[in-house]
Amino acid sequence: MRTTVRTATAAARPTGSRRSSGCPGSKGGVMRKTAGILLLAFSAAVAAQNFPSKTVRFVSGVTPGSASDTMARILAEKLQQKWGQPVIVENKLGAGGLVGAKYVADSAPDGHMIMMYASAYTVAPLLSPNVLRFDELTPVAAVATIPTVLVTQPEKYKTIQEFVAKAKASPGKLVCADAGIGSATHMAFEKFRFAAGIPDVLNVHTKGVGEAITEVVSGRADCYFALVFQARKMVDSGKLVALATSSPKRSALMPNIPTTEELGYPNSHYNFWVGTLVPAKTPKAIVDKLHDDITALVESPEVNEKIRKLGCDPLPMSVKEFDDMIAGEIKENTALIKKAGIKAN
């Protein structure tokens, strides 16, 4: 099943009264408040030292076998060995990952429930704000980026320049597949489309990456920004050609395919990332521990190599850097969604 969419005064104290020693502004009140803050900080530190104290769950919003799901399982295996507690992966599918994200957001903020999300996190809540707010989750650790490449049938287009020229010459006739409304594959094309000056196209929103690439192989769609590890097999077999890479840099799996920006389309790259988030009220000490442990694994030779074999590039960064990256993308995607007229189903 596919969906086709065309886009273009505080109260005064009584006179003469004295402040009770229990009022917040009194010396005793201040001391009690300070003691309370110190107690909370101490409790959080102790909780972090004892973390994890039970089974930890990674929640994946995509199907088993997907790149982000596979990365969650790689991390789960290694973290279980490090922590001495079970670490499992649960799949909660639906609404561009929002079902899983909301499930995590509503869980106890103790670090034992972790959302393995992708860049769709900076899109899906914009399209479905009644499901999840951005302030319900807090970023922990970025894990990797997943390059995508623009694929088409060999007999249709030989170069990206030819592709763009034909799309401009026939407004509204180019049929473009993607893995769903607001998916990274959809947003990657929309960003490239505007950078290249391509007018209206016919978007075919499928149920996932497998169906999307089938649309192109069959000829029902003209193009699709495919995940690089997905595209390489089809390109190597001659069924498809790859015209450009949408990521900020070339993919190690397909290093001969230049980026869209290398090919002369400024501000056309799309950053398809995978990372971890937890409920917003999770203590900072636990967030920091999770970040440090996950990032150490991402930087380790063994996990680093496994990530690269998936066609992905490890993306270690600080919590602040990850938070800033997300904030920037939310702003950018808000503008892109408005410009492209993207709406949720």
Protein backbone atom coordinates (compact mmCIF):
# COMPACT_ATOMS: atom_id res chain seq x y z
CA MET A 1 0.00 0.00 0.00
CA ARG A 2 1.40 3.37 -0.96
CA THR A 3 0.26 6.95 -0.55
CA THR A 4 0.70 9.42 -3.40
CA VAL A 5 0.82 13.14 -2.61
CA ARG A 6 1.59 16.14 -4.81
CA THR A 7 3.77 18.72 -3.04
CA ALA A 8 4.60 22.26 -4.14
CA THR A 9 1.99 41.13 41.77
CA ALA A 10 2.60 39.01 44.76
CA ALA A 11 0.15 39.57 47.70
CA ALA A 12 1.44 42.06 50.31
CA ARG A 13 2.20 40.83 53.83
CA PRO A 14 -0.06 42.22 56.59
CA THR A 15 1.40 45.46 58.05
CA GLY A 16 3.48 44.86 61.15
CA SER A 17 3.67 41.13 60.70
CA ARG A 18 6.99 39.34 60.99
CA ARG A 19 8.21 36.65 58.68
CA SER A 20 8.04 33.25 60.19
CA SER A 21 11.32 31.43 60.35
CA GLY A 22 9.72 28.87 58.05
CA CYS A 23 9.10 31.30 55.18
CA PRO A 24 11.16 30.70 52.05
CA GLY A 25 12.89 34.07 52.39
CA SER A 26 13.99 33.54 55.99
CA LYS A 27 17.37 32.22 57.00
CA GLY A 28 15.83 28.95 58.14
CA GLY A 29 13.86 28.65 54.93
CA VAL A 30 16.94 29.23 52.80
CA MET A 31 18.87 26.62 54.78
CA ARG A 32 16.11 24.08 54.34
CA LYS A 33 15.91 24.82 50.62
CA THR A 34 19.66 24.47 50.24
CA ALA A 35 19.63 21.23 52.20
CA GLY A 36 16.87 19.93 49.94
CA ILE A 37 18.84 20.75 46.82
CA LEU A 38 21.95 19.07 48.21
CA LEU A 39 19.91 16.00 49.15
CA LEU A 40 18.50 15.75 45.64
CA ALA A 41 21.95 16.11 44.12
CA PHE A 42 23.33 13.46 46.46
CA SER A 43 20.45 11.11 45.67
CA ALA A 44 21.00 11.58 41.92
CA ALA A 45 24.72 10.87 42.28
CA VAL A 46 24.01 7.70 44.26
CA ALA A 47 21.44 6.62 41.66
CA ALA A 48 24.01 7.09 38.90
CA GLN A 49 26.60 5.05 40.82
CA ASN A 50 24.09 2.25 41.24
CA PHE A 51 22.85 2.43 37.64
CA PRO A 52 21.69 0.19 36.18
CA SER A 53 19.89 -1.68 38.93
CA LYS A 54 17.59 -3.72 36.70
CA THR A 55 16.93 -4.64 33.08
CA VAL A 56 17.60 -1.83 30.60
CA ARG A 57 15.45 -1.57 27.49
CA PHE A 58 16.37 0.00 24.18
CA VAL A 59 13.19 0.91 22.31
CA SER A 60 13.45 0.84 18.53
CA GLY A 61 10.80 2.54 16.43
CA VAL A 62 11.69 0.62 13.28
CA THR A 63 11.58 -3.01 12.19
CA PRO A 64 14.30 -5.53 13.13
CA GLY A 65 17.08 -5.54 10.54
CA SER A 66 16.96 -1.79 9.95
CA ALA A 67 20.23 0.03 10.46
CA SER A 68 19.22 1.87 13.64
CA ASP A 69 17.65 -1.31 15.08
CA THR A 70 20.84 -3.25 14.33
CA MET A 71 22.92 -0.56 16.04
CA ALA A 72 20.65 -0.76 19.10
CA ARG A 73 21.32 -4.50 19.28
CA ILE A 74 25.07 -4.03 18.91
CA LEU A 75 25.07 -1.52 21.78
CA ALA A 76 22.73 -3.64 23.91
CA GLU A 77 25.04 -6.65 23.71
CA LYS A 78 28.10 -4.67 24.73
CA LEU A 79 26.36 -2.66 27.46
CA GLN A 80 25.00 -5.86 28.99
CA GLN A 81 28.56 -7.12 29.28
CA LYS A 82 29.74 -3.83 30.79
CA TRP A 83 26.87 -3.29 33.23
CA GLY A 84 26.16 -6.86 34.31
CA GLN A 85 22.43 -6.32 33.83
CA PRO A 86 20.18 -7.54 31.02
CA VAL A 87 19.88 -5.08 28.13
CA ILE A 88 17.19 -5.89 25.59
CA VAL A 89 15.73 -4.30 22.47
CA GLU A 90 11.98 -3.80 22.06
CA ASN A 91 10.35 -2.77 18.81
CA LYS A 92 7.51 -0.25 19.12
CA LEU A 93 6.46 0.67 15.61
CA GLY A 94 4.25 3.43 14.27
CA ALA A 95 3.90 7.11 13.38
CA GLY A 96 7.49 7.62 12.27
CA GLY A 97 8.86 6.34 15.56
CA LEU A 98 6.53 8.43 17.72
CA VAL A 99 4.80 5.39 19.23
CA GLY A 100 8.10 4.15 20.63
CA ALA A 101 9.25 7.63 21.59
CA LYS A 102 6.06 8.36 23.53
CA TYR A 103 6.34 4.98 25.25
CA VAL A 104 9.83 5.95 26.45
CA ALA A 105 8.83 9.53 27.33
CA ASP A 106 6.07 8.21 29.62
CA SER A 107 8.36 5.71 31.37
CA ALA A 108 10.16 6.25 34.71
CA PRO A 109 12.97 8.81 34.24
CA ASP A 110 15.64 6.54 35.68
CA GLY A 111 17.69 5.65 32.59
CA HIS A 112 16.36 2.11 32.26
CA MET A 113 14.31 2.94 29.15
CA ILE A 114 16.23 4.35 26.19
CA MET A 115 14.86 5.43 22.83
CA MET A 116 16.97 4.57 19.81
CA TYR A 117 15.73 7.24 17.42
CA ALA A 118 16.91 8.76 14.19
CA SER A 119 16.70 12.17 12.55
CA ALA A 120 12.95 11.55 12.19
CA TYR A 121 12.86 12.82 15.80
CA THR A 122 13.36 16.34 14.41
CA VAL A 123 10.48 15.88 11.96
CA ALA A 124 7.74 13.60 13.34
CA PRO A 125 6.72 15.80 16.33
CA LEU A 126 6.40 18.74 13.94
CA LEU A 127 3.92 16.77 11.85
CA SER A 128 2.10 15.20 14.84
CA PRO A 129 2.51 17.64 17.76
CA ASN A 130 -0.41 16.10 19.69
CA VAL A 131 1.50 12.83 20.05
CA LEU A 132 4.88 13.96 21.40
CA ARG A 133 6.46 17.27 22.41
CA PHE A 134 10.19 17.84 22.04
CA ASP A 135 10.49 18.65 25.77
CA GLU A 136 9.38 15.13 26.73
CA LEU A 137 12.73 13.56 25.81
CA THR A 138 16.33 14.62 26.34
CA PRO A 139 19.28 13.73 24.09
CA VAL A 140 21.91 11.36 25.42
CA ALA A 141 24.39 10.21 22.77
CA ALA A 142 24.65 10.39 19.01
CA VAL A 143 25.69 7.07 17.49
CA ALA A 144 26.08 7.32 13.73
CA THR A 145 25.05 8.91 10.47
CA ILE A 146 23.51 6.88 7.63
CA PRO A 147 24.35 8.10 4.13
CA THR A 148 21.69 7.94 1.43
CA VAL A 149 22.22 7.94 -2.33
CA LEU A 150 19.88 9.02 -5.10
CA VAL A 151 19.12 5.96 -7.22
CA THR A 152 17.28 5.56 -10.49
CA GLN A 153 17.02 3.09 -13.36
CA PRO A 154 20.11 3.01 -15.61
CA GLU A 155 18.14 3.70 -18.76
CA LYS A 156 16.46 6.81 -17.36
CA TYR A 157 19.27 9.06 -16.17
CA LYS A 158 23.04 8.90 -16.43
CA THR A 159 24.03 11.97 -14.41
CA ILE A 160 22.53 14.18 -11.71
CA GLN A 161 22.62 17.10 -14.14
CA GLU A 162 20.48 15.17 -16.63
CA PHE A 163 18.10 14.18 -13.84
CA VAL A 164 17.66 17.78 -12.69
CA ALA A 165 17.27 19.10 -16.23
CA LYS A 166 14.50 16.62 -17.09
CA ALA A 167 12.72 17.27 -13.80
CA LYS A 168 12.74 21.01 -14.48
CA ALA A 169 11.50 20.50 -18.02
CA SER A 170 8.48 18.46 -16.90
CA PRO A 171 7.09 19.96 -13.67
CA GLY A 172 4.98 17.57 -11.64
CA LYS A 173 5.85 14.52 -13.71
CA LEU A 174 8.88 13.22 -11.78
CA VAL A 175 7.78 10.34 -9.53
CA CYS A 176 9.83 10.11 -6.33
CA ALA A 177 9.57 7.26 -3.82
CA ASP A 178 10.44 7.48 -0.13
CA ALA A 179 10.10 5.38 3.01
CA GLY A 180 7.18 7.40 4.37
CA ILE A 181 6.03 10.95 5.00
CA GLY A 182 8.67 12.83 6.99
CA SER A 183 11.19 10.00 6.79
CA ALA A 184 14.85 10.85 6.24
CA THR A 185 14.55 9.60 2.65
CA HIS A 186 11.62 11.96 2.07
CA MET A 187 13.26 14.98 3.73
CA ALA A 188 16.54 14.33 1.91
CA PHE A 189 14.80 14.56 -1.45
CA GLU A 190 12.81 17.67 -0.53
CA LYS A 191 15.94 19.46 0.61
CA PHE A 192 17.76 18.49 -2.56
CA ARG A 193 14.77 19.41 -4.72
CA PHE A 194 14.68 22.99 -3.47
CA ALA A 195 18.48 23.34 -3.65
CA ALA A 196 18.41 22.16 -7.27
CA GLY A 197 15.42 24.28 -8.24
CA ILE A 198 13.21 21.33 -9.16
CA PRO A 199 9.51 22.32 -9.24
CA ASP A 200 6.57 20.13 -8.25
CA VAL A 201 7.04 16.36 -8.18
CA LEU A 202 4.81 13.41 -7.47
CA ASN A 203 5.78 11.83 -4.13
CA VAL A 204 5.11 8.16 -3.50
CA HIS A 205 5.13 7.57 0.25
CA THR A 206 5.64 3.86 0.91
CA LYS A 207 5.65 1.82 4.11
CA GLY A 208 9.42 1.39 4.33
CA VAL A 209 12.80 1.25 2.63
CA GLY A 210 12.20 -2.14 1.00
CA GLU A 211 9.01 -1.06 -0.70
CA ALA A 212 10.52 2.27 -1.74
CA ILE A 213 13.44 0.77 -3.61
CA THR A 214 11.13 -1.79 -5.26
CA GLU A 215 9.13 1.11 -6.70
CA VAL A 216 12.26 2.34 -8.48
CA VAL A 217 13.50 -1.08 -9.62
CA SER A 218 10.06 -1.78 -11.13
CA GLY A 219 10.00 1.56 -12.91
CA ARG A 220 6.90 2.83 -11.13
CA ALA A 221 9.01 5.55 -9.52
CA ASP A 222 11.84 7.52 -11.08
CA CYS A 223 14.03 7.97 -8.02
CA TYR A 224 14.60 7.38 -4.32
CA PHE A 225 17.23 8.45 -1.78
CA ALA A 226 18.15 4.92 -0.68
CA LEU A 227 20.19 3.90 2.35
CA VAL A 228 23.68 3.25 1.04
CA PHE A 229 23.93 -0.37 2.22
CA GLN A 230 20.54 -1.00 0.60
CA ALA A 231 21.48 0.69 -2.65
CA ARG A 232 24.91 -0.86 -3.15
CA LYS A 233 23.58 -4.34 -3.91
CA MET A 234 21.21 -2.99 -6.55
CA VAL A 235 23.87 -0.77 -8.09
CA ASP A 236 26.46 -3.58 -8.14
CA SER A 237 23.96 -5.85 -9.89
CA GLY A 238 23.24 -3.22 -12.53
CA LYS A 239 19.58 -2.82 -11.62
CA LEU A 240 20.03 0.77 -10.49
CA VAL A 241 22.52 3.60 -10.80
CA ALA A 242 23.50 5.99 -8.01
CA LEU A 243 23.72 9.62 -9.05
CA ALA A 244 24.65 11.42 -5.83
CA THR A 245 25.10 11.08 -2.07
CA SER A 246 22.89 13.26 0.14
CA SER A 247 25.05 13.09 3.28
CA PRO A 248 27.60 15.81 4.14
CA LYS A 249 30.44 13.57 2.95
CA ARG A 250 30.87 10.56 0.70
CA SER A 251 30.00 7.12 1.95
CA ALA A 252 32.80 4.68 2.71
CA LEU A 253 30.69 1.94 1.07
CA MET A 254 30.26 3.88 -2.16
CA PRO A 255 33.19 6.33 -2.18
CA ASN A 256 32.96 6.92 -5.92
CA ILE A 257 29.55 8.60 -5.61
CA PRO A 258 30.01 12.34 -5.02
CA THR A 259 27.83 14.36 -2.68
CA THR A 260 25.10 16.63 -3.98
CA GLU A 261 27.09 19.62 -2.78
CA GLU A 262 30.21 18.43 -4.61
CA LEU A 263 28.06 18.28 -7.71
CA GLY A 264 27.14 21.93 -7.45
CA TYR A 265 24.01 22.10 -5.31
CA PRO A 266 24.83 24.17 -2.18
CA ASN A 267 22.94 23.55 1.05
CA SER A 268 21.49 20.31 -0.34
CA HIS A 269 22.88 17.73 2.09
CA TYR A 270 20.67 15.99 4.65
CA ASN A 271 22.06 14.59 7.90
CA PHE A 272 20.42 11.21 8.59
CA TRP A 273 21.59 10.40 12.13
CA VAL A 274 20.87 7.75 14.74
CA GLY A 275 21.10 8.45 18.47
CA THR A 276 19.70 7.79 21.93
CA LEU A 277 17.23 9.75 24.08
CA VAL A 278 15.65 9.26 27.52
CA PRO A 279 12.71 10.78 29.45
CA ALA A 280 13.24 14.49 30.04
CA LYS A 281 13.35 14.31 33.86
CA THR A 282 16.15 11.73 33.93
CA PRO A 283 18.85 12.97 36.37
CA LYS A 284 21.83 14.57 34.66
CA ALA A 285 24.22 12.17 36.40
CA ILE A 286 22.48 9.22 34.74
CA VAL A 287 22.32 10.97 31.36
CA ASP A 288 26.06 11.63 31.62
CA LYS A 289 26.80 8.00 32.52
CA LEU A 290 24.72 6.72 29.64
CA HIS A 291 26.42 9.16 27.27
CA ASP A 292 29.90 8.22 28.40
CA ASP A 293 29.28 4.47 28.23
CA ILE A 294 27.56 4.58 24.84
CA THR A 295 30.08 6.97 23.31
CA ALA A 296 32.99 4.85 24.56
CA LEU A 297 31.48 1.89 22.70
CA VAL A 298 30.94 3.91 19.52
CA GLU A 299 34.60 4.92 19.64
CA SER A 300 35.83 1.41 20.39
CA PRO A 301 37.47 -0.40 17.42
CA GLU A 302 35.05 -3.34 17.53
CA VAL A 303 31.79 -1.38 17.58
CA ASN A 304 33.19 1.27 15.27
CA GLU A 305 33.92 -1.39 12.67
CA LYS A 306 30.46 -2.94 13.03
CA ILE A 307 28.84 0.44 12.46
CA ARG A 308 30.94 1.02 9.35
CA LYS A 309 30.02 -2.39 7.97
CA LEU A 310 26.40 -1.21 8.02
CA GLY A 311 27.44 1.59 5.69
CA CYS A 312 27.21 4.12 8.50
CA ASP A 313 29.70 6.59 9.94
CA PRO A 314 30.22 6.70 13.74
CA LEU A 315 29.15 10.05 15.19
CA PRO A 316 30.55 10.52 18.72
CA MET A 317 29.91 13.92 20.26
CA SER A 318 29.15 15.55 23.60
CA VAL A 319 25.63 15.77 25.04
CA LYS A 320 25.61 19.52 24.36
CA GLU A 321 26.76 19.06 20.78
CA PHE A 322 24.02 16.49 20.21
CA ASP A 323 21.42 18.76 21.81
CA ASP A 324 22.57 21.71 19.68
CA MET A 325 22.49 19.61 16.51
CA ILE A 326 18.91 18.54 17.21
CA ALA A 327 17.82 22.12 17.96
CA GLY A 328 19.32 23.30 14.68
CA GLU A 329 17.62 20.56 12.70
CA ILE A 330 14.23 21.25 14.29
CA LYS A 331 14.49 24.86 13.13
CA GLU A 332 15.61 23.85 9.65
CA ASN A 333 12.98 21.12 9.24
CA THR A 334 10.22 23.45 10.43
CA ALA A 335 11.04 25.71 7.48
CA LEU A 336 11.41 22.81 5.03
CA ILE A 337 8.08 21.25 6.03
CA LYS A 338 6.33 24.56 5.50
CA LYS A 339 8.02 25.20 2.17
CA ALA A 340 7.27 21.73 0.84
CA GLY A 341 3.73 21.65 2.24
CA ILE A 342 4.35 18.35 4.04
CA LYS A 343 1.49 17.11 6.18
CA ALA A 344 1.03 13.95 8.26
CA ASN A 345 -1.35 11.27 7.01
